[in-house]
Amino acid sequence: MRSKLNLNRKAYPWVLVKNWYEIFSKGPKTYRENVTFRALKVNAIPDVTKFSPDKNTVVVFEDLCAESKKIQDRIVPYFISGRHQGVSSIYVSQKYTQTPKIIRENISHLALFRGSGSREDICRIVRQYTDDPKKASKIIDKHLRDRNFVVFDFTKATDDPLAIRLGWDIHLKLDQ
């Protein structure tokens, strides 16, 4: 039986998340969770307090970094206090540095894919993890060009081997 995973590279990123959720939700009871996926129009972003803390919700903000300050101000509370309402927020952006600073400061994870920005942008991100950010950014850039992705886990200590990962679970050595 084929899975419902959509491998079309042009598909929106949250389609992959939704498809995987559908696969897991039909699996053994231990994997089931009550999670809602909603598509929101940019001008209809609800107040984060409208979500029920009893029901988990994943909200994906797709490529909105160029939207007005008014729109950004509606998004920011999702990253500051959304978890108290059962909301997990994902902010998809082509440019990390153009993502509002308050959002960047309140994320728990950052995933970089090919085209995530310049080596200088990558260097800004890795400074806190290594004494040689230029060397580290070259290593990361090489992996991104090889169509891998890199995950920064800001919930881990900077010296934790899994603070920066190649894919979801491979320690990425930056100082070699």
Protein backbone atom coordinates (compact mmCIF):
# COMPACT_ATOMS: atom_id res chain seq x y z
CA MET A 1 0.00 0.00 0.00
CA ARG A 2 1.42 3.38 -0.96
CA SER A 3 1.56 6.09 1.67
CA LYS A 4 -0.19 9.39 1.13
CA LEU A 5 3.09 11.28 1.34
CA ASN A 6 3.19 13.92 -1.38
CA LEU A 7 6.71 14.04 -2.80
CA ASN A 8 6.06 16.87 -5.27
CA ARG A 9 8.87 19.36 -4.55
CA LYS A 10 6.56 22.25 -5.50
CA ALA A 11 3.92 21.24 -2.93
CA TYR A 12 3.47 23.51 0.04
CA PRO A 13 5.55 22.30 3.01
CA TRP A 14 2.55 21.84 5.29
CA VAL A 15 1.01 19.38 2.82
CA LEU A 16 3.80 16.99 3.80
CA VAL A 17 3.09 17.54 7.49
CA LYS A 18 -0.63 17.04 6.98
CA ASN A 19 -0.11 13.88 4.91
CA TRP A 20 2.18 12.37 7.55
CA TYR A 21 -0.30 13.27 10.26
CA GLU A 22 -3.04 11.46 8.32
CA ILE A 23 -0.83 8.36 8.09
CA PHE A 24 -0.04 8.39 11.83
CA SER A 25 -3.60 9.21 12.86
CA LYS A 26 -4.78 5.98 11.26
CA GLY A 27 -2.04 3.97 12.96
CA PRO A 28 -1.93 2.35 16.38
CA LYS A 29 -3.85 4.18 19.06
CA THR A 30 -0.63 5.22 20.87
CA TYR A 31 0.24 7.53 17.96
CA ARG A 32 -3.12 9.29 17.76
CA GLU A 33 -3.41 12.89 18.80
CA ASN A 34 -6.15 15.43 18.42
CA VAL A 35 -4.47 17.89 16.03
CA THR A 36 -6.26 20.28 13.66
CA PHE A 37 -4.81 21.62 10.41
CA ARG A 38 -6.26 24.92 9.22
CA ALA A 39 -5.58 27.04 6.15
CA LEU A 40 -5.86 30.71 7.06
CA LYS A 41 -6.08 33.68 4.73
CA VAL A 42 -3.54 36.38 5.54
CA ASN A 43 -6.27 38.90 6.33
CA ALA A 44 -8.21 36.45 8.51
CA ILE A 45 -5.59 35.37 11.04
CA PRO A 46 -7.54 34.85 14.27
CA ASP A 47 -6.38 36.03 17.67
CA VAL A 48 -4.31 33.21 19.16
CA THR A 49 -6.50 33.24 22.29
CA LYS A 50 -9.43 32.00 20.16
CA PHE A 51 -7.84 28.54 20.04
CA SER A 52 -8.77 25.98 22.69
CA PRO A 53 -5.86 24.81 24.86
CA ASP A 54 -7.62 21.41 24.98
CA LYS A 55 -7.15 20.86 21.24
CA ASN A 56 -3.72 20.89 19.58
CA THR A 57 -3.44 22.99 16.44
CA VAL A 58 -0.61 23.38 13.93
CA VAL A 59 -0.53 26.77 12.19
CA VAL A 60 1.79 27.31 9.23
CA PHE A 61 2.61 30.85 8.14
CA GLU A 62 3.82 30.50 4.57
CA ASP A 63 6.19 33.13 3.16
CA LEU A 64 4.67 36.13 4.93
CA CYS A 65 7.85 37.98 5.90
CA ALA A 66 7.12 40.68 3.29
CA GLU A 67 3.62 41.33 4.65
CA SER A 68 2.79 44.54 6.47
CA LYS A 69 3.66 45.25 10.10
CA LYS A 70 -0.05 44.92 10.89
CA ILE A 71 -0.03 41.32 9.64
CA GLN A 72 3.26 40.54 11.43
CA ASP A 73 1.78 41.91 14.66
CA ARG A 74 -1.06 39.37 14.34
CA ILE A 75 1.46 36.53 13.83
CA VAL A 76 3.87 37.36 16.67
CA PRO A 77 1.56 36.20 19.52
CA TYR A 78 1.48 32.72 18.00
CA PHE A 79 5.22 32.44 18.70
CA ILE A 80 5.20 34.18 22.07
CA SER A 81 2.20 32.53 23.72
CA GLY A 82 0.66 30.10 21.23
CA ARG A 83 1.88 27.05 23.12
CA HIS A 84 -0.37 28.06 26.04
CA GLN A 85 -3.33 27.71 23.66
CA GLY A 86 -2.17 24.35 22.28
CA VAL A 87 -0.85 26.00 19.10
CA SER A 88 2.37 24.91 17.42
CA SER A 89 3.42 27.50 14.86
CA ILE A 90 5.60 27.11 11.80
CA TYR A 91 6.93 30.16 9.92
CA VAL A 92 8.13 29.33 6.41
CA SER A 93 10.37 31.99 4.88
CA GLN A 94 12.89 32.27 2.08
CA LYS A 95 15.04 34.65 4.14
CA TYR A 96 15.74 34.05 7.83
CA THR A 97 17.02 37.60 8.30
CA GLN A 98 13.76 39.06 6.96
CA THR A 99 11.69 37.09 9.45
CA PRO A 100 10.68 39.45 12.28
CA LYS A 101 13.26 39.36 15.06
CA ILE A 102 10.69 38.66 17.79
CA ILE A 103 9.65 35.51 15.91
CA ARG A 104 13.29 34.42 15.40
CA GLU A 105 13.90 34.87 19.13
CA ASN A 106 10.92 32.69 20.06
CA ILE A 107 11.41 29.65 17.83
CA SER A 108 12.43 26.29 19.21
CA HIS A 109 13.70 24.84 15.92
CA LEU A 110 15.05 26.16 12.64
CA ALA A 111 15.29 24.02 9.51
CA LEU A 112 17.44 25.20 6.62
CA PHE A 113 16.94 23.87 3.12
CA ARG A 114 18.69 24.58 -0.15
CA GLY A 115 18.13 28.22 -1.03
CA SER A 116 17.81 29.24 2.63
CA GLY A 117 20.01 32.25 2.10
CA SER A 118 23.58 33.25 1.59
CA ARG A 119 26.56 31.80 3.42
CA GLU A 120 26.61 35.09 5.36
CA ASP A 121 23.03 34.43 6.54
CA ILE A 122 24.04 30.93 7.63
CA CYS A 123 27.09 32.39 9.38
CA ARG A 124 24.83 34.67 11.48
CA ILE A 125 22.85 31.67 12.66
CA VAL A 126 25.81 29.41 13.56
CA ARG A 127 27.84 32.02 15.46
CA GLN A 128 26.38 30.88 18.78
CA TYR A 129 27.40 27.26 18.13
CA THR A 130 31.00 27.45 16.98
CA ASP A 131 34.22 29.42 17.29
CA ASP A 132 34.64 29.38 13.51
CA PRO A 133 31.30 30.41 11.96
CA LYS A 134 32.82 30.89 8.50
CA LYS A 135 34.08 27.31 8.40
CA ALA A 136 30.81 26.01 9.84
CA SER A 137 28.74 27.95 7.32
CA LYS A 138 30.79 26.40 4.49
CA ILE A 139 30.07 22.91 5.87
CA ILE A 140 26.35 23.66 6.17
CA ASP A 141 26.23 25.28 2.74
CA LYS A 142 27.80 22.15 1.21
CA HIS A 143 25.14 19.93 2.81
CA LEU A 144 22.37 22.24 1.63
CA ARG A 145 23.73 22.23 -1.92
CA ASP A 146 23.75 18.40 -1.75
CA ARG A 147 19.97 18.65 -1.12
CA ASN A 148 20.18 17.77 2.56
CA PHE A 149 18.62 19.89 5.26
CA VAL A 150 20.00 21.11 8.57
CA VAL A 151 18.03 21.47 11.81
CA PHE A 152 18.98 23.80 14.66
CA ASP A 153 17.35 22.72 17.91
CA PHE A 154 17.30 25.73 20.23
CA THR A 155 15.89 23.62 23.07
CA LYS A 156 19.27 21.86 23.34
CA ALA A 157 22.41 23.22 24.98
CA THR A 158 24.88 24.62 22.46
CA ASP A 159 27.35 21.82 23.31
CA ASP A 160 24.74 19.08 22.84
CA PRO A 161 25.68 16.94 19.80
CA LEU A 162 22.10 17.13 18.52
CA ALA A 163 21.79 20.92 18.77
CA ILE A 164 22.64 21.04 15.07
CA ARG A 165 21.60 18.06 12.99
CA LEU A 166 21.87 16.88 9.45
CA GLY A 167 18.31 15.85 8.76
CA TRP A 168 16.34 14.99 11.87
CA ASP A 169 18.79 12.86 13.80
CA ILE A 170 22.40 12.93 12.57
CA HIS A 171 24.89 15.01 14.56
CA LEU A 172 26.49 17.63 12.30
CA LYS A 173 30.13 18.22 13.19
CA LEU A 174 31.04 21.84 12.45
CA ASP A 175 34.49 22.13 13.99
CA GLN A 176 36.35 19.47 12.01
